C-alpha atoms as a PDB file:
ATOM      1  CA  MET A   1       0.000   0.000   0.000  1.00  0.00           C
ATOM      2  CA  LYS A   2       1.399   3.389  -1.075  1.00  0.00           C
ATOM      3  CA  ILE A   3      -0.080   6.424   0.687  1.00  0.00           C
ATOM      4  CA  ALA A   4       0.966  10.064   0.287  1.00  0.00           C
ATOM      5  CA  ILE A   5       0.011  12.442   3.115  1.00  0.00           C
ATOM      6  CA  GLY A   6      -0.376  16.162   2.447  1.00  0.00           C
ATOM      7  CA  GLY A   7      -1.932  19.291   3.877  1.00  0.00           C
ATOM      8  CA  LYS A   8      -1.228  22.836   5.017  1.00  0.00           C
ATOM      9  CA  GLY A   9       1.983  23.386   6.918  1.00  0.00           C
ATOM     10  CA  GLY A  10       1.269  22.677  10.575  1.00  0.00           C
ATOM     11  CA  ALA A  11      -2.008  20.883   9.865  1.00  0.00           C
ATOM     12  CA  GLY A  12      -0.699  17.636  11.325  1.00  0.00           C
ATOM     13  CA  LYS A  13       0.398  15.587   8.313  1.00  0.00           C
ATOM     14  CA  THR A  14       3.669  14.562   9.983  1.00  0.00           C
ATOM     15  CA  THR A  15       1.776  13.560  13.129  1.00  0.00           C
ATOM     16  CA  LEU A  16      -0.633  11.427  11.099  1.00  0.00           C
ATOM     17  CA  CYS A  17       2.244   9.861   9.156  1.00  0.00           C
ATOM     18  CA  ALA A  18       4.001   8.906  12.398  1.00  0.00           C
ATOM     19  CA  LEU A  19       0.799   7.520  13.926  1.00  0.00           C
ATOM     20  CA  LEU A  20       0.015   5.453  10.814  1.00  0.00           C
ATOM     21  CA  ALA A  21       3.585   4.144  10.676  1.00  0.00           C
ATOM     22  CA  GLU A  22       3.360   2.935  14.288  1.00  0.00           C
ATOM     23  CA  THR A  23      -0.118   1.513  13.709  1.00  0.00           C
ATOM     24  CA  TYR A  24       0.853  -0.555  10.679  1.00  0.00           C
ATOM     25  CA  SER A  25       4.072  -1.691  12.333  1.00  0.00           C
ATOM     26  CA  GLU A  26       2.074  -2.910  15.339  1.00  0.00           C
ATOM     27  CA  MET A  27      -0.115  -4.830  12.875  1.00  0.00           C
ATOM     28  CA  GLY A  28       2.983  -6.694  11.699  1.00  0.00           C
ATOM     29  CA  ARG A  29       3.317  -4.846   8.404  1.00  0.00           C
ATOM     30  CA  ARG A  30       6.654  -3.741   6.935  1.00  0.00           C
ATOM     31  CA  VAL A  31       6.657   0.056   6.928  1.00  0.00           C
ATOM     32  CA  LEU A  32       8.785   2.570   5.059  1.00  0.00           C
ATOM     33  CA  ALA A  33       8.109   6.172   6.119  1.00  0.00           C
ATOM     34  CA  VAL A  34       9.615   8.859   3.885  1.00  0.00           C
ATOM     35  CA  ASP A  35      10.077  12.482   4.946  1.00  0.00           C
ATOM     36  CA  THR A  36      10.094  14.735   1.869  1.00  0.00           C
ATOM     37  CA  ASP A  37      10.347  18.030   3.764  1.00  0.00           C
ATOM     38  CA  PRO A  38      13.576  20.083   3.390  1.00  0.00           C
ATOM     39  CA  SER A  39      13.291  20.637   7.163  1.00  0.00           C
ATOM     40  CA  PRO A  40      12.520  17.047   8.196  1.00  0.00           C
ATOM     41  CA  SER A  41      10.640  16.384  11.435  1.00  0.00           C
ATOM     42  CA  LEU A  42       9.192  12.884  10.988  1.00  0.00           C
ATOM     43  CA  ALA A  43      12.065  11.363  12.961  1.00  0.00           C
ATOM     44  CA  GLN A  44      11.154  13.612  15.893  1.00  0.00           C
ATOM     45  CA  ALA A  45       7.472  12.645  15.666  1.00  0.00           C
ATOM     46  CA  LEU A  46       8.570   9.010  15.838  1.00  0.00           C
ATOM     47  CA  ALA A  47      10.877   9.882  18.773  1.00  0.00           C
ATOM     48  CA  VAL A  48      13.896   8.411  17.005  1.00  0.00           C
ATOM     49  CA  PRO A  49      16.852   8.777  19.416  1.00  0.00           C
ATOM     50  CA  ASP A  50      19.518  11.340  18.521  1.00  0.00           C
ATOM     51  CA  HIS A  51      22.227   8.722  18.022  1.00  0.00           C
ATOM     52  CA  VAL A  52      20.041   6.996  15.425  1.00  0.00           C
ATOM     53  CA  ARG A  53      18.867  10.239  13.799  1.00  0.00           C
ATOM     54  CA  SER A  54      22.486  11.298  13.296  1.00  0.00           C
ATOM     55  CA  ALA A  55      22.722   8.754  10.475  1.00  0.00           C
ATOM     56  CA  LEU A  56      19.864  10.433   8.589  1.00  0.00           C
ATOM     57  CA  HIS A  57      20.469  13.101   5.940  1.00  0.00           C
ATOM     58  CA  PRO A  58      18.156  14.312   3.141  1.00  0.00           C
ATOM     59  CA  ILE A  59      19.293  12.648  -0.069  1.00  0.00           C
ATOM     60  CA  ALA A  60      18.581  15.872  -1.990  1.00  0.00           C
ATOM     61  CA  GLU A  61      21.490  17.463  -0.108  1.00  0.00           C
ATOM     62  CA  MET A  62      24.047  14.706  -0.839  1.00  0.00           C
ATOM     63  CA  ASP A  63      26.001  16.451  -3.584  1.00  0.00           C
ATOM     64  CA  ASP A  64      28.692  13.779  -3.855  1.00  0.00           C
ATOM     65  CA  LEU A  65      26.106  11.017  -4.193  1.00  0.00           C
ATOM     66  CA  ILE A  66      24.154  12.980  -6.794  1.00  0.00           C
ATOM     67  CA  GLU A  67      27.307  13.598  -8.829  1.00  0.00           C
ATOM     68  CA  ASP A  68      28.339   9.952  -8.572  1.00  0.00           C
ATOM     69  CA  ARG A  69      24.973   8.643  -9.757  1.00  0.00           C
ATOM     70  CA  THR A  70      24.065  11.272 -12.386  1.00  0.00           C
ATOM     71  CA  GLY A  71      27.467  12.390 -13.653  1.00  0.00           C
ATOM     72  CA  ALA A  72      26.906  16.048 -12.777  1.00  0.00           C
ATOM     73  CA  ARG A  73      27.284  18.109  -9.619  1.00  0.00           C
ATOM     74  CA  PRO A  74      24.251  20.030  -8.331  1.00  0.00           C
ATOM     75  CA  GLY A  75      24.439  23.664  -9.329  1.00  0.00           C
ATOM     76  CA  ALA A  76      26.720  23.051 -12.295  1.00  0.00           C
ATOM     77  CA  THR A  77      25.642  24.750 -15.527  1.00  0.00           C
ATOM     78  CA  GLY A  78      25.845  23.306 -19.015  1.00  0.00           C
ATOM     79  CA  SER A  79      26.455  19.771 -17.730  1.00  0.00           C
ATOM     80  CA  PHE A  80      25.194  16.538 -19.224  1.00  0.00           C
ATOM     81  CA  PHE A  81      23.763  14.012 -16.781  1.00  0.00           C
ATOM     82  CA  THR A  82      21.792  10.786 -16.792  1.00  0.00           C
ATOM     83  CA  LEU A  83      18.037  10.996 -16.297  1.00  0.00           C
ATOM     84  CA  ASN A  84      17.755   7.403 -15.029  1.00  0.00           C
ATOM     85  CA  PRO A  85      20.462   6.971 -12.395  1.00  0.00           C
ATOM     86  CA  HIS A  86      20.910   3.768 -10.415  1.00  0.00           C
ATOM     87  CA  VAL A  87      19.052   4.162  -7.111  1.00  0.00           C
ATOM     88  CA  ASP A  88      17.987   0.650  -6.052  1.00  0.00           C
ATOM     89  CA  ASP A  89      20.396   0.549  -3.121  1.00  0.00           C
ATOM     90  CA  LEU A  90      19.604   3.999  -1.718  1.00  0.00           C
ATOM     91  CA  PRO A  91      16.483   3.293   0.414  1.00  0.00           C
ATOM     92  CA  ASP A  92      18.210   0.640   2.508  1.00  0.00           C
ATOM     93  CA  ARG A  93      21.625   2.310   2.499  1.00  0.00           C
ATOM     94  CA  PHE A  94      20.511   5.736   3.721  1.00  0.00           C
ATOM     95  CA  SER A  95      17.561   4.854   5.966  1.00  0.00           C
ATOM     96  CA  VAL A  96      17.413   3.905   9.629  1.00  0.00           C
ATOM     97  CA  VAL A  97      15.136   1.447  11.416  1.00  0.00           C
ATOM     98  CA  HIS A  98      13.522   2.314  14.746  1.00  0.00           C
ATOM     99  CA  ARG A  99      10.773   0.358  16.510  1.00  0.00           C
ATOM    100  CA  GLY A 100      10.271  -1.714  13.354  1.00  0.00           C
ATOM    101  CA  ILE A 101       9.796   1.337  11.090  1.00  0.00           C
ATOM    102  CA  ARG A 102      12.249   2.139   8.294  1.00  0.00           C
ATOM    103  CA  LEU A 103      12.690   5.903   7.942  1.00  0.00           C
ATOM    104  CA  LEU A 104      14.196   7.754   4.978  1.00  0.00           C
ATOM    105  CA  GLU A 105      14.750  11.496   4.525  1.00  0.00           C
ATOM    106  CA  MET A 106      14.430  12.448   0.881  1.00  0.00           C
ATOM    107  CA  GLY A 107      14.419  16.231   0.624  1.00  0.00           C
ATOM    108  CA  ARG A 108      12.552  18.332  -1.869  1.00  0.00           C
ATOM    109  CA  VAL A 109      12.101  18.508  -5.624  1.00  0.00           C
ATOM    110  CA  GLU A 110      11.994  22.201  -6.471  1.00  0.00           C
ATOM    111  CA  SER A 111       8.874  22.264  -8.629  1.00  0.00           C
ATOM    112  CA  GLY A 112       5.739  20.177  -8.937  1.00  0.00           C
ATOM    113  CA  GLY A 113       4.522  17.995 -11.788  1.00  0.00           C
ATOM    114  CA  SER A 114       7.072  18.817 -14.467  1.00  0.00           C
ATOM    115  CA  GLY A 115       9.986  19.489 -12.116  1.00  0.00           C
ATOM    116  CA  CYS A 116      13.321  21.170 -12.786  1.00  0.00           C
ATOM    117  CA  ILE A 117      15.872  19.772 -15.203  1.00  0.00           C
ATOM    118  CA  CYS A 118      18.789  19.263 -12.833  1.00  0.00           C
ATOM    119  CA  PRO A 119      20.872  16.352 -11.469  1.00  0.00           C
ATOM    120  CA  GLU A 120      19.265  16.374  -8.014  1.00  0.00           C
ATOM    121  CA  SER A 121      15.794  16.311  -9.561  1.00  0.00           C
ATOM    122  CA  ALA A 122      16.755  13.361 -11.778  1.00  0.00           C
ATOM    123  CA  LEU A 123      18.058  11.394  -8.790  1.00  0.00           C
ATOM    124  CA  LEU A 124      15.069  12.130  -6.558  1.00  0.00           C
ATOM    125  CA  ARG A 125      12.537  11.266  -9.238  1.00  0.00           C
ATOM    126  CA  ALA A 126      14.281   7.974  -9.988  1.00  0.00           C
ATOM    127  CA  LEU A 127      14.388   7.216  -6.259  1.00  0.00           C
ATOM    128  CA  PHE A 128      10.743   8.120  -5.811  1.00  0.00           C
ATOM    129  CA  ALA A 129       9.719   5.769  -8.642  1.00  0.00           C
ATOM    130  CA  GLN A 130      11.843   2.996  -7.107  1.00  0.00           C
ATOM    131  CA  LEU A 131      10.135   3.431  -3.733  1.00  0.00           C
ATOM    132  CA  LEU A 132       6.765   2.833  -5.379  1.00  0.00           C
ATOM    133  CA  TYR A 133       7.948  -0.516  -6.729  1.00  0.00           C
ATOM    134  CA  ARG A 134       9.139  -1.942  -3.411  1.00  0.00           C
ATOM    135  CA  PRO A 135       6.908  -4.981  -2.736  1.00  0.00           C
ATOM    136  CA  ASP A 136       5.168  -6.128   0.441  1.00  0.00           C
ATOM    137  CA  GLU A 137       5.619  -2.796   2.176  1.00  0.00           C
ATOM    138  CA  VAL A 138       3.427   0.011   3.446  1.00  0.00           C
ATOM    139  CA  LEU A 139       4.924   3.195   1.998  1.00  0.00           C
ATOM    140  CA  LEU A 140       3.947   6.405   3.811  1.00  0.00           C
ATOM    141  CA  LEU A 141       5.057   9.654   2.172  1.00  0.00           C
ATOM    142  CA  ASP A 142       5.058  12.734   4.402  1.00  0.00           C
ATOM    143  CA  MET A 143       4.677  15.291   1.603  1.00  0.00           C
ATOM    144  CA  TYR A 144       5.979  18.854   1.576  1.00  0.00           C
ATOM    145  CA  ALA A 145       3.322  21.535   0.985  1.00  0.00           C
ATOM    146  CA  GLY A 146       1.834  19.984  -2.146  1.00  0.00           C
ATOM    147  CA  VAL A 147       2.496  17.134  -4.542  1.00  0.00           C
ATOM    148  CA  GLU A 148       6.022  18.026  -5.727  1.00  0.00           C
ATOM    149  CA  HIS A 149       7.283  14.452  -5.731  1.00  0.00           C
ATOM    150  CA  LEU A 150       4.368  13.111  -7.734  1.00  0.00           C
ATOM    151  CA  SER A 151       4.284  13.151 -11.526  1.00  0.00           C
ATOM    152  CA  ARG A 152       2.169  11.593 -14.239  1.00  0.00           C
ATOM    153  CA  SER A 153       4.687   8.737 -14.518  1.00  0.00           C
ATOM    154  CA  THR A 154       4.393   7.753 -10.839  1.00  0.00           C
ATOM    155  CA  VAL A 155       0.904   8.774  -9.790  1.00  0.00           C
ATOM    156  CA  ASP A 156      -0.695   5.500 -10.920  1.00  0.00           C
ATOM    157  CA  PHE A 157       1.336   3.667  -8.278  1.00  0.00           C
ATOM    158  CA  VAL A 158       0.080   5.795  -5.366  1.00  0.00           C
ATOM    159  CA  ASP A 159      -3.038   4.273  -3.865  1.00  0.00           C
ATOM    160  CA  ALA A 160      -4.237   7.573  -2.435  1.00  0.00           C
ATOM    161  CA  LEU A 161      -3.390  11.058  -1.278  1.00  0.00           C
ATOM    162  CA  VAL A 162      -4.593  11.623   2.294  1.00  0.00           C
ATOM    163  CA  VAL A 163      -5.055  15.349   2.985  1.00  0.00           C
ATOM    164  CA  VAL A 164      -4.989  16.449   6.621  1.00  0.00           C
ATOM    165  CA  ILE A 165      -7.420  19.299   7.315  1.00  0.00           C
ATOM    166  CA  GLU A 166      -7.921  21.391  10.435  1.00  0.00           C
ATOM    167  CA  PRO A 167     -11.348  22.913  11.149  1.00  0.00           C
ATOM    168  CA  THR A 168     -10.308  26.300   9.724  1.00  0.00           C
ATOM    169  CA  ARG A 169     -11.031  28.014   6.427  1.00  0.00           C
ATOM    170  CA  ARG A 170      -7.315  28.489   5.744  1.00  0.00           C
ATOM    171  CA  SER A 171      -6.733  24.750   6.022  1.00  0.00           C
ATOM    172  CA  LEU A 172      -9.684  24.048   3.720  1.00  0.00           C
ATOM    173  CA  SER A 173      -8.307  26.520   1.180  1.00  0.00           C
ATOM    174  CA  VAL A 174      -4.915  24.796   1.080  1.00  0.00           C
ATOM    175  CA  ALA A 175      -6.599  21.390   0.833  1.00  0.00           C
ATOM    176  CA  ALA A 176      -8.536  22.601  -2.205  1.00  0.00           C
ATOM    177  CA  GLN A 177      -5.298  23.826  -3.804  1.00  0.00           C
ATOM    178  CA  ILE A 178      -3.649  20.445  -3.195  1.00  0.00           C
ATOM    179  CA  GLU A 179      -6.641  18.699  -4.745  1.00  0.00           C
ATOM    180  CA  THR A 180      -6.281  20.885  -7.850  1.00  0.00           C
ATOM    181  CA  MET A 181      -2.551  20.171  -8.111  1.00  0.00           C
ATOM    182  CA  ALA A 182      -3.152  16.457  -7.717  1.00  0.00           C
ATOM    183  CA  GLY A 183      -5.917  16.538 -10.326  1.00  0.00           C
ATOM    184  CA  ASP A 184      -3.522  18.208 -12.772  1.00  0.00           C
ATOM    185  CA  ILE A 185      -1.372  15.077 -12.745  1.00  0.00           C
ATOM    186  CA  GLY A 186      -4.303  12.656 -12.736  1.00  0.00           C
ATOM    187  CA  LEU A 187      -4.513  11.777  -9.035  1.00  0.00           C
ATOM    188  CA  ASN A 188      -8.176  11.778  -8.050  1.00  0.00           C
ATOM    189  CA  ARG A 189      -8.004   9.335  -5.143  1.00  0.00           C
ATOM    190  CA  ILE A 190      -7.959  12.021  -2.444  1.00  0.00           C
ATOM    191  CA  TRP A 191      -9.262  11.245   1.028  1.00  0.00           C
ATOM    192  CA  PRO A 192      -9.410  13.948   3.762  1.00  0.00           C
ATOM    193  CA  VAL A 193      -8.726  13.425   7.466  1.00  0.00           C
ATOM    194  CA  GLY A 194      -9.788  15.955  10.095  1.00  0.00           C
ATOM    195  CA  ASN A 195      -7.222  16.901  12.731  1.00  0.00           C
ATOM    196  CA  ARG A 196      -7.394  18.746  16.055  1.00  0.00           C
ATOM    197  CA  ILE A 197     -11.117  18.061  16.331  1.00  0.00           C
ATOM    198  CA  ARG A 198     -12.326  19.540  19.639  1.00  0.00           C
ATOM    199  CA  ASN A 199     -16.034  18.860  19.483  1.00  0.00           C
ATOM    200  CA  LYS A 200     -19.049  18.021  17.341  1.00  0.00           C
ATOM    201  CA  GLU A 201     -19.097  21.556  15.919  1.00  0.00           C
ATOM    202  CA  ASP A 202     -15.608  21.070  14.459  1.00  0.00           C
ATOM    203  CA  GLN A 203     -16.717  17.826  12.818  1.00  0.00           C
ATOM    204  CA  GLU A 204     -19.840  19.425  11.402  1.00  0.00           C
ATOM    205  CA  PHE A 205     -17.822  22.375  10.055  1.00  0.00           C
ATOM    206  CA  LEU A 206     -15.533  20.058   8.068  1.00  0.00           C
ATOM    207  CA  GLU A 207     -18.318  17.752   6.944  1.00  0.00           C
ATOM    208  CA  GLY A 208     -20.288  20.750   5.740  1.00  0.00           C
ATOM    209  CA  ALA A 209     -17.313  21.835   3.621  1.00  0.00           C
ATOM    210  CA  VAL A 210     -16.015  18.527   2.257  1.00  0.00           C
ATOM    211  CA  GLY A 211     -18.575  15.855   3.122  1.00  0.00           C
ATOM    212  CA  PRO A 212     -17.780  12.636   5.035  1.00  0.00           C
ATOM    213  CA  LEU A 213     -14.122  12.272   5.957  1.00  0.00           C
ATOM    214  CA  LEU A 214     -11.836   9.265   6.109  1.00  0.00           C
ATOM    215  CA  GLY A 215     -11.517   9.805   9.845  1.00  0.00           C
ATOM    216  CA  TYR A 216     -10.760  12.274  12.630  1.00  0.00           C
ATOM    217  CA  LEU A 217      -7.884  12.890  15.024  1.00  0.00           C
ATOM    218  CA  PRO A 218      -9.065  14.481  18.294  1.00  0.00           C
ATOM    219  CA  ASP A 219      -7.398  17.568  19.735  1.00  0.00           C
ATOM    220  CA  ASP A 220      -5.241  16.036  22.469  1.00  0.00           C
ATOM    221  CA  ALA A 221      -2.739  18.049  24.513  1.00  0.00           C
ATOM    222  CA  THR A 222      -0.880  14.801  25.153  1.00  0.00           C
ATOM    223  CA  ALA A 223       0.680  15.226  21.705  1.00  0.00           C
ATOM    224  CA  ILE A 224       2.442  18.388  22.879  1.00  0.00           C
ATOM    225  CA  ASP A 225       3.651  16.667  26.038  1.00  0.00           C
ATOM    226  CA  ALA A 226       4.950  13.745  23.966  1.00  0.00           C
ATOM    227  CA  ASP A 227       7.000  16.087  21.797  1.00  0.00           C
ATOM    228  CA  ARG A 228       8.512  17.833  24.802  1.00  0.00           C
ATOM    229  CA  ASN A 229       9.313  14.516  26.471  1.00  0.00           C
ATOM    230  CA  ARG A 230      10.634  12.917  23.256  1.00  0.00           C
ATOM    231  CA  THR A 231       8.035  10.191  23.560  1.00  0.00           C
ATOM    232  CA  PRO A 232       6.305   8.644  20.515  1.00  0.00           C
ATOM    233  CA  ILE A 233       2.854  10.183  20.146  1.00  0.00           C
ATOM    234  CA  TYR A 234       1.543   6.702  19.435  1.00  0.00           C
ATOM    235  CA  GLN A 235       2.566   5.561  22.916  1.00  0.00           C
ATOM    236  CA  ALA A 236       1.551   8.743  24.728  1.00  0.00           C
ATOM    237  CA  SER A 237      -2.021   9.190  23.501  1.00  0.00           C
ATOM    238  CA  PRO A 238      -4.579   6.364  23.682  1.00  0.00           C
ATOM    239  CA  LEU A 239      -7.121   8.692  22.026  1.00  0.00           C
ATOM    240  CA  LEU A 240      -4.941   9.328  18.983  1.00  0.00           C
ATOM    241  CA  ARG A 241      -3.909   5.677  18.850  1.00  0.00           C
ATOM    242  CA  ALA A 242      -7.522   4.513  18.676  1.00  0.00           C
ATOM    243  CA  ALA A 243      -8.466   7.160  16.121  1.00  0.00           C
ATOM    244  CA  THR A 244      -5.512   6.209  13.919  1.00  0.00           C
ATOM    245  CA  ALA A 245      -6.425   2.524  14.093  1.00  0.00           C
ATOM    246  CA  ALA A 246      -9.852   3.416  12.701  1.00  0.00           C
ATOM    247  CA  ILE A 247      -8.272   5.495   9.922  1.00  0.00           C
ATOM    248  CA  ALA A 248      -5.857   2.673   9.054  1.00  0.00           C
ATOM    249  CA  GLY A 249      -8.727   0.211   8.876  1.00  0.00           C
ATOM    250  CA  GLU A 250     -10.665   2.488   6.555  1.00  0.00           C
ATOM    251  CA  LEU A 251      -7.573   2.998   4.382  1.00  0.00           C
ATOM    252  CA  ASP A 252      -7.128  -0.750   4.065  1.00  0.00           C
ATOM    253  CA  ARG A 253     -10.769  -1.167   3.097  1.00  0.00           C
ATOM    254  CA  LEU A 254     -10.718   1.570   0.462  1.00  0.00           C
ATOM    255  CA  VAL A 255      -7.404   0.462  -1.035  1.00  0.00           C
ATOM    256  CA  ARG A 256      -8.581  -3.140  -1.269  1.00  0.00           C
ATOM    257  CA  SER A 257     -11.751  -1.909  -2.934  1.00  0.00           C
ATOM    258  CA  GLU A 258      -9.700   0.028  -5.484  1.00  0.00           C
ATOM    259  CA  GLN A 259      -7.305  -2.855  -6.121  1.00  0.00           C
ATOM    260  CA  ASP A 260     -10.201  -5.258  -6.609  1.00  0.00           C
ATOM    261  CA  ASP A 261     -11.686  -2.893  -9.211  1.00  0.00           C
ATOM    262  CA  ALA A 262     -14.805  -2.560  -7.104  1.00  0.00           C
ATOM    263  CA  PRO A 263     -16.703   0.769  -7.039  1.00  0.00           C
ATOM    264  CA  LEU A 264     -14.790   3.054  -4.675  1.00  0.00           C
ATOM    265  CA  PRO A 265     -17.007   4.655  -2.025  1.00  0.00           C
ATOM    266  CA  THR A 266     -16.833   8.421  -1.718  1.00  0.00           C
ATOM    267  CA  ALA A 267     -14.701   9.458   1.261  1.00  0.00           C
ATOM    268  CA  GLY A 268     -14.948  13.199   0.921  1.00  0.00           C
ATOM    269  CA  GLY A 269     -16.345  16.215  -0.884  1.00  0.00           C
ATOM    270  CA  SER A 270     -14.916  19.272  -2.600  1.00  0.00           C
ATOM    271  CA  ALA A 271     -11.566  19.023  -0.864  1.00  0.00           C
ATOM    272  CA  GLY A 272     -11.242  15.257  -1.068  1.00  0.00           C
ATOM    273  CA  ALA A 273     -13.777  13.283  -3.047  1.00  0.00           C
ATOM    274  CA  GLU A 274     -13.357  10.482  -5.510  1.00  0.00           C
ATOM    275  CA  GLN A 275     -14.385  12.100  -8.762  1.00  0.00           C
END
């Protein structure tokens, strides 16, 4: 199962990615969680110890590796480089494993859809495509701002884009923009998740804007305490753990439905509906 997770900055996409990674790992699934943010924080959400995190570096910033695999150094002008570099060994070589979850920091492609024509872009796009082919693994992509890493050549291999939405109009506006960007490259399997839900009014506000959601994460101050104490959110909050289990179950159901070519039930409205 290959799931991309997007949303407005600060909406909680990294939190949801960490919670889903722990949930699927507890279910006995092999999990690869990929942080695509140029300022990665997924390792912190998973409470990866500092001595383990020290081995992690965004691949987009590895100039020597990029030059070795593409034949050109990032930033060089007028250089020829390969568009299909060898990347099969990179996920295992540059990732770490903590609590049964494999974590990789990827970095950012500078522009969405078409992308820039540069060595680092060529390497990241080849790596991204390779990640989508890894078998028997739950791939969770903590996306940066939009859908930069997705393209028409890879979108068919992503089972869904989960968009995290807070009960605010700003968050809904960004979610709508992400839906448009995803639609531009042919990704219409977009399922919204509500985050920081305080009460029934928050639920009704989101449902009124986008229709039924994939699930909800309650507003739980324990998440803040977990971050301060360097404790995995999954361990610290029974409320969030239970809510994520329900979301994971619904994801499994919808993905199986899609893979079986059965009619896919609608899981959202204007900011996240199956069109």
